[in-house]
Amino acid sequence: MKRILIFIGVCSTLAMNGQDTLWILPGTWIQGLDTMPALRSEVQPTWTGFNAVIDRPANTSNSIVIVNTDTIEHTWSTNAPDAAITSLPPEMATEVSLPSLPQGSYHYSLIDEPGKVLGAGGLLRIGWTDETMFYWNLSEWQPSMMELAAAGESIDWTLPYVPRHFTINERAYPSTADDPNALVAVNLNDTCFISISNLGHMNHVLHFHGFHVDIMTSTDHPERVGWNKDTVPIRKGESMTVRLVAFQEGMYPVHNHNLIAVTNAGFYPGGMITTIHVMP
């Protein structure tokens, strides 16, 4: 009970200063016939199964409070340049500094082995204020590995990595159609931006039907900024922003170009598929 009171006191004080809070929550995540232990970074102390997005202004240092409700210590960081690494003691609240960053898409995550395998991480969007925005948090999941991580056992990364589930924003198709952040719904001639981050353990390639997108920012490949592509590779750990101009009406799929990544436990269609819906 004493530690819970510490949560409330710290978070309430910081909230009055205009700062936000993330809650690291353990829970159970169900995909198809698989029930898996998982960790999520949530905006409230109630499990939903979805990781939060952090929005911050560009070129401004600030902070965020992270409450680790788990029973073990975790380690938190971002993929921003020269990112600091912060230890999160169990059942405690910690204020974490966020550096001044230029406009772009980044991500935050737990980087200790249980944290990264169990999936507590999301988008860090910097400097997007007036734009029409969507986001895709890409990941994949191997239930047997997640069970080992939850039990505190070490992962043998030399073994074949064979995920059963592939997700956008912790949802697999067709559930991606129910996510207003994954389903790109815009009007004809609108311009929108999509923040994409690969928080999984393998590289991915996204293919856009009907459109080419402009690469606006990339944490790993700044030389690709300005490219206009219908097929966009995104390495594990990479974040990027793409711009889409909706010049034609209709429904157009976006999907991973790896066949196994568009399945749910081996069944097609599923996984990393979403849609661009351009309305008159």
Protein backbone atom coordinates (compact mmCIF):
# COMPACT_ATOMS: atom_id res chain seq x y z
CA MET A 1 0.00 0.00 0.00
CA LYS A 2 2.88 2.40 0.75
CA ARG A 3 4.22 2.09 -2.79
CA ILE A 4 0.80 2.75 -4.28
CA LEU A 5 0.61 5.98 -2.28
CA ILE A 6 4.01 6.95 -3.72
CA PHE A 7 2.58 6.46 -7.24
CA ILE A 8 -0.29 8.81 -6.56
CA GLY A 9 1.78 11.50 -4.88
CA VAL A 10 4.46 11.66 -7.56
CA CYS A 11 2.10 11.47 -10.52
CA SER A 12 -0.35 14.02 -9.17
CA THR A 13 2.40 16.58 -8.55
CA LEU A 14 3.82 16.16 -12.05
CA ALA A 15 0.40 16.24 -13.67
CA MET A 16 -0.13 19.72 -12.27
CA ASN A 17 3.00 20.77 -14.17
CA GLY A 18 1.47 19.60 -17.45
CA GLN A 19 3.40 16.35 -17.79
CA ASP A 20 1.96 13.01 -18.82
CA THR A 21 2.18 9.53 -17.37
CA LEU A 22 2.71 6.06 -18.82
CA TRP A 23 1.85 2.89 -16.92
CA ILE A 24 3.86 -0.29 -17.53
CA LEU A 25 1.23 -3.01 -17.12
CA PRO A 26 1.57 -6.81 -17.25
CA GLY A 27 -1.42 -8.61 -18.66
CA THR A 28 -2.78 -11.37 -20.87
CA TRP A 29 -3.03 -10.83 -24.62
CA ILE A 30 -5.15 -13.02 -26.88
CA GLN A 31 -4.58 -13.48 -30.61
CA GLY A 32 -6.59 -16.21 -32.30
CA LEU A 33 -6.14 -19.41 -30.30
CA ASP A 34 -3.04 -18.14 -28.51
CA THR A 35 -3.16 -16.59 -25.03
CA MET A 36 0.12 -14.89 -24.21
CA PRO A 37 1.67 -12.97 -21.31
CA ALA A 38 2.48 -9.42 -22.37
CA LEU A 39 3.56 -5.99 -21.18
CA ARG A 40 2.09 -2.73 -22.43
CA SER A 41 2.78 0.99 -21.94
CA GLU A 42 -0.68 2.37 -21.26
CA VAL A 43 -2.05 5.87 -20.68
CA GLN A 44 -3.98 4.73 -17.61
CA PRO A 45 -3.53 2.05 -14.92
CA THR A 46 -6.06 -0.23 -16.64
CA TRP A 47 -5.07 -2.94 -19.12
CA THR A 48 -6.32 -2.47 -22.69
CA GLY A 49 -3.57 -4.35 -24.52
CA PHE A 50 -2.53 -1.33 -26.61
CA ASN A 51 0.62 0.76 -26.32
CA ALA A 52 0.28 4.52 -25.98
CA VAL A 53 1.61 7.17 -28.34
CA ILE A 54 3.63 10.06 -26.92
CA ASP A 55 3.24 13.43 -28.70
CA ARG A 56 5.69 16.22 -27.96
CA PRO A 57 6.62 19.57 -29.55
CA ALA A 58 9.79 19.80 -31.63
CA ASN A 59 13.03 21.28 -30.31
CA THR A 60 11.82 21.29 -26.71
CA SER A 61 13.16 19.32 -23.76
CA ASN A 62 10.52 17.84 -21.47
CA SER A 63 9.78 14.72 -19.46
CA ILE A 64 7.28 11.98 -18.78
CA VAL A 65 6.42 9.94 -15.70
CA ILE A 66 6.57 6.16 -16.07
CA VAL A 67 4.93 3.97 -13.45
CA ASN A 68 6.31 0.44 -13.49
CA THR A 69 3.57 -1.71 -11.96
CA ASP A 70 5.50 -4.91 -12.72
CA THR A 71 7.30 -6.84 -9.97
CA ILE A 72 10.71 -6.64 -11.66
CA GLU A 73 12.94 -3.75 -12.71
CA HIS A 74 12.83 -2.71 -16.36
CA THR A 75 15.00 -0.49 -18.53
CA TRP A 76 13.50 2.23 -20.74
CA SER A 77 14.89 4.20 -23.67
CA THR A 78 14.09 5.64 -27.11
CA ASN A 79 15.65 5.29 -30.55
CA ALA A 80 16.47 9.00 -30.67
CA PRO A 81 20.15 9.90 -31.20
CA ASP A 82 22.25 9.53 -28.03
CA ALA A 83 19.18 8.43 -26.10
CA ALA A 84 19.56 8.04 -22.35
CA ILE A 85 18.80 4.72 -20.68
CA THR A 86 16.63 4.84 -17.56
CA SER A 87 16.09 2.13 -14.95
CA LEU A 88 12.51 1.70 -13.77
CA PRO A 89 12.36 0.12 -10.28
CA PRO A 90 9.45 -2.26 -9.69
CA GLU A 91 6.22 -0.77 -8.36
CA MET A 92 7.58 2.76 -8.48
CA ALA A 93 7.09 5.95 -10.51
CA THR A 94 10.07 7.48 -12.30
CA GLU A 95 10.31 10.81 -14.10
CA VAL A 96 12.17 10.35 -17.40
CA SER A 97 13.73 13.21 -19.36
CA LEU A 98 13.00 13.50 -23.06
CA PRO A 99 15.61 15.42 -25.07
CA SER A 100 15.00 18.22 -27.53
CA LEU A 101 14.39 16.55 -30.91
CA PRO A 102 13.65 17.76 -34.44
CA GLN A 103 10.32 17.00 -36.08
CA GLY A 104 10.02 13.32 -36.85
CA SER A 105 8.87 9.89 -35.76
CA TYR A 106 10.70 7.93 -33.08
CA HIS A 107 9.80 5.21 -30.63
CA TYR A 108 10.19 4.42 -26.95
CA SER A 109 10.37 0.94 -25.44
CA LEU A 110 11.56 -1.28 -22.66
CA ILE A 111 14.96 -2.53 -23.78
CA ASP A 112 15.62 -5.23 -21.18
CA GLU A 113 14.98 -8.74 -22.48
CA PRO A 114 11.60 -9.41 -20.82
CA GLY A 115 10.42 -5.92 -21.69
CA LYS A 116 11.27 -6.06 -25.38
CA VAL A 117 9.98 -9.62 -25.85
CA LEU A 118 6.69 -8.89 -24.07
CA GLY A 119 6.13 -5.76 -26.10
CA ALA A 120 5.96 -2.56 -24.03
CA GLY A 121 6.77 0.17 -26.56
CA GLY A 122 5.12 2.69 -28.85
CA LEU A 123 5.47 5.71 -31.10
CA LEU A 124 7.13 8.95 -30.01
CA ARG A 125 5.88 11.67 -32.38
CA ILE A 126 7.74 14.95 -32.32
CA GLY A 127 6.51 18.22 -33.80
CA TRP A 128 3.31 17.09 -35.53
CA THR A 129 0.64 19.54 -34.43
CA ASP A 130 -1.68 20.62 -37.26
CA GLU A 131 -1.20 17.71 -39.68
CA THR A 132 -3.61 14.83 -40.30
CA MET A 133 -1.72 11.97 -38.65
CA PHE A 134 -1.93 8.19 -38.48
CA TYR A 135 0.50 5.74 -36.89
CA TRP A 136 1.62 2.15 -37.39
CA ASN A 137 3.46 0.37 -34.58
CA LEU A 138 4.77 -2.78 -36.27
CA SER A 139 5.63 -5.90 -34.31
CA GLU A 140 5.54 -9.67 -34.36
CA TRP A 141 5.05 -12.23 -31.63
CA GLN A 142 6.30 -15.74 -30.82
CA PRO A 143 4.19 -17.14 -27.95
CA SER A 144 6.81 -19.66 -26.75
CA MET A 145 9.39 -16.88 -26.43
CA MET A 146 6.92 -14.69 -24.55
CA GLU A 147 6.21 -17.49 -22.07
CA LEU A 148 9.94 -17.85 -21.36
CA ALA A 149 10.37 -14.09 -20.89
CA ALA A 150 7.40 -13.89 -18.51
CA ALA A 151 8.86 -16.74 -16.46
CA GLY A 152 12.17 -14.92 -16.11
CA GLU A 153 14.09 -17.37 -18.29
CA SER A 154 16.76 -16.30 -20.78
CA ILE A 155 16.00 -16.27 -24.50
CA ASP A 156 18.30 -18.19 -26.85
CA TRP A 157 18.51 -15.75 -29.77
CA THR A 158 20.49 -18.27 -31.85
CA LEU A 159 17.37 -20.42 -32.28
CA PRO A 160 15.09 -19.86 -35.30
CA TYR A 161 12.70 -16.97 -34.75
CA VAL A 162 9.28 -18.09 -36.00
CA PRO A 163 6.54 -15.60 -35.00
CA ARG A 164 2.93 -16.72 -35.15
CA HIS A 165 1.40 -13.24 -35.09
CA PHE A 166 2.16 -9.98 -36.90
CA THR A 167 0.49 -6.76 -35.85
CA ILE A 168 -0.05 -3.08 -36.53
CA ASN A 169 -0.81 -1.21 -33.29
CA GLU A 170 -1.18 -4.56 -31.47
CA ARG A 171 -3.94 -5.58 -33.90
CA ALA A 172 -3.84 -8.18 -36.68
CA TYR A 173 -5.98 -7.96 -39.81
CA PRO A 174 -8.99 -7.85 -40.01
CA SER A 175 -8.98 -6.06 -36.62
CA THR A 176 -6.79 -3.32 -38.10
CA ALA A 177 -9.94 -2.10 -39.86
CA ASP A 178 -11.36 -1.19 -36.44
CA ASP A 179 -8.39 1.02 -35.54
CA PRO A 180 -8.79 4.66 -36.63
CA ASN A 181 -5.04 5.13 -36.31
CA ALA A 182 -4.15 2.20 -38.59
CA LEU A 183 -6.95 2.63 -41.15
CA VAL A 184 -6.03 5.68 -43.22
CA ALA A 185 -9.42 7.32 -43.85
CA VAL A 186 -9.13 10.68 -45.65
CA ASN A 187 -10.98 12.81 -48.18
CA LEU A 188 -10.02 13.21 -51.82
CA ASN A 189 -6.99 15.52 -52.27
CA ASP A 190 -6.16 15.47 -48.56
CA THR A 191 -2.55 15.20 -47.46
CA CYS A 192 -1.79 13.04 -44.45
CA PHE A 193 1.27 11.75 -42.62
CA ILE A 194 1.89 8.27 -41.20
CA SER A 195 4.35 7.67 -38.35
CA ILE A 196 5.74 4.13 -38.64
CA SER A 197 8.01 2.30 -36.23
CA ASN A 198 9.30 -1.26 -36.27
CA LEU A 199 9.44 -2.45 -32.67
CA GLY A 200 9.70 -6.11 -33.67
CA HIS A 201 12.71 -8.39 -33.99
CA MET A 202 12.86 -8.66 -37.78
CA ASN A 203 12.93 -6.32 -40.77
CA HIS A 204 9.70 -5.53 -42.62
CA VAL A 205 8.73 -4.17 -46.02
CA LEU A 206 5.42 -2.36 -46.56
CA HIS A 207 3.75 -2.15 -49.99
CA PHE A 208 1.20 0.57 -50.79
CA HIS A 209 -1.43 -0.12 -53.46
CA GLY A 210 -2.71 2.86 -55.40
CA PHE A 211 -0.19 5.38 -54.08
CA HIS A 212 3.44 6.29 -53.76
CA VAL A 213 4.44 7.92 -50.46
CA ASP A 214 7.18 10.45 -49.74
CA ILE A 215 9.67 9.54 -47.03
CA MET A 216 9.83 12.61 -44.79
CA THR A 217 11.99 11.40 -41.88
CA SER A 218 13.94 8.25 -40.97
CA THR A 219 15.97 7.45 -37.87
CA ASP A 220 18.15 4.89 -39.69
CA HIS A 221 18.25 6.08 -43.30
CA PRO A 222 18.31 9.88 -43.58
CA GLU A 223 19.63 9.46 -47.13
CA ARG A 224 16.18 8.11 -48.10
CA VAL A 225 14.38 11.32 -47.10
CA GLY A 226 12.71 12.66 -50.24
CA TRP A 227 12.30 9.25 -51.88
CA ASN A 228 8.89 8.61 -53.47
CA LYS A 229 8.08 4.91 -53.16
CA ASP A 230 5.22 2.41 -53.21
CA THR A 231 7.34 -0.17 -51.36
CA VAL A 232 9.05 0.95 -48.17
CA PRO A 233 11.54 -1.18 -46.18
CA ILE A 234 11.76 -0.51 -42.46
CA ARG A 235 14.48 -2.15 -40.43
CA LYS A 236 13.97 -3.48 -36.92
CA GLY A 237 14.34 -0.57 -34.55
CA GLU A 238 13.75 2.03 -37.27
CA SER A 239 11.14 4.79 -37.24
CA MET A 240 10.02 6.92 -40.18
CA THR A 241 7.38 9.35 -41.34
CA VAL A 242 5.77 9.14 -44.77
CA ARG A 243 3.48 11.61 -46.54
CA LEU A 244 0.53 10.44 -48.61
CA VAL A 245 -1.43 12.65 -51.02
CA ALA A 246 -4.91 11.18 -51.60
CA PHE A 247 -5.29 12.04 -55.28
CA GLN A 248 -7.79 9.27 -56.14
CA GLU A 249 -10.92 7.82 -54.51
CA GLY A 250 -11.31 4.23 -53.43
CA MET A 251 -10.12 1.52 -51.05
CA TYR A 252 -6.49 0.46 -51.33
CA PRO A 253 -4.64 -2.16 -49.25
CA VAL A 254 -1.29 -1.68 -47.58
CA HIS A 255 0.45 -4.90 -46.63
CA ASN A 256 3.72 -6.46 -45.61
CA HIS A 257 5.59 -7.90 -48.61
CA ASN A 258 6.66 -10.96 -46.60
CA LEU A 259 3.96 -13.61 -47.10
CA ILE A 260 4.20 -15.03 -43.58
CA ALA A 261 3.68 -11.54 -42.14
CA VAL A 262 0.19 -11.31 -43.69
CA THR A 263 -1.06 -14.40 -41.87
CA ASN A 264 -2.56 -15.09 -38.45
CA ALA A 265 -0.85 -18.19 -37.04
CA GLY A 266 -0.20 -19.30 -40.63
CA PHE A 267 -3.69 -18.56 -41.98
CA TYR A 268 -4.09 -16.02 -44.78
CA PRO A 269 -5.17 -13.21 -44.86
CA GLY A 270 -4.13 -11.65 -41.59
CA GLY A 271 -1.25 -9.95 -39.88
CA MET A 272 0.17 -6.69 -41.20
CA ILE A 273 -2.58 -5.54 -43.55
CA THR A 274 -4.43 -2.26 -43.37
CA THR A 275 -6.34 -0.02 -45.80
CA ILE A 276 -6.27 3.45 -47.30
CA HIS A 277 -9.84 4.71 -47.73
CA VAL A 278 -10.16 7.86 -49.83
CA MET A 279 -13.65 9.34 -49.77
CA PRO A 280 -15.15 11.91 -52.20
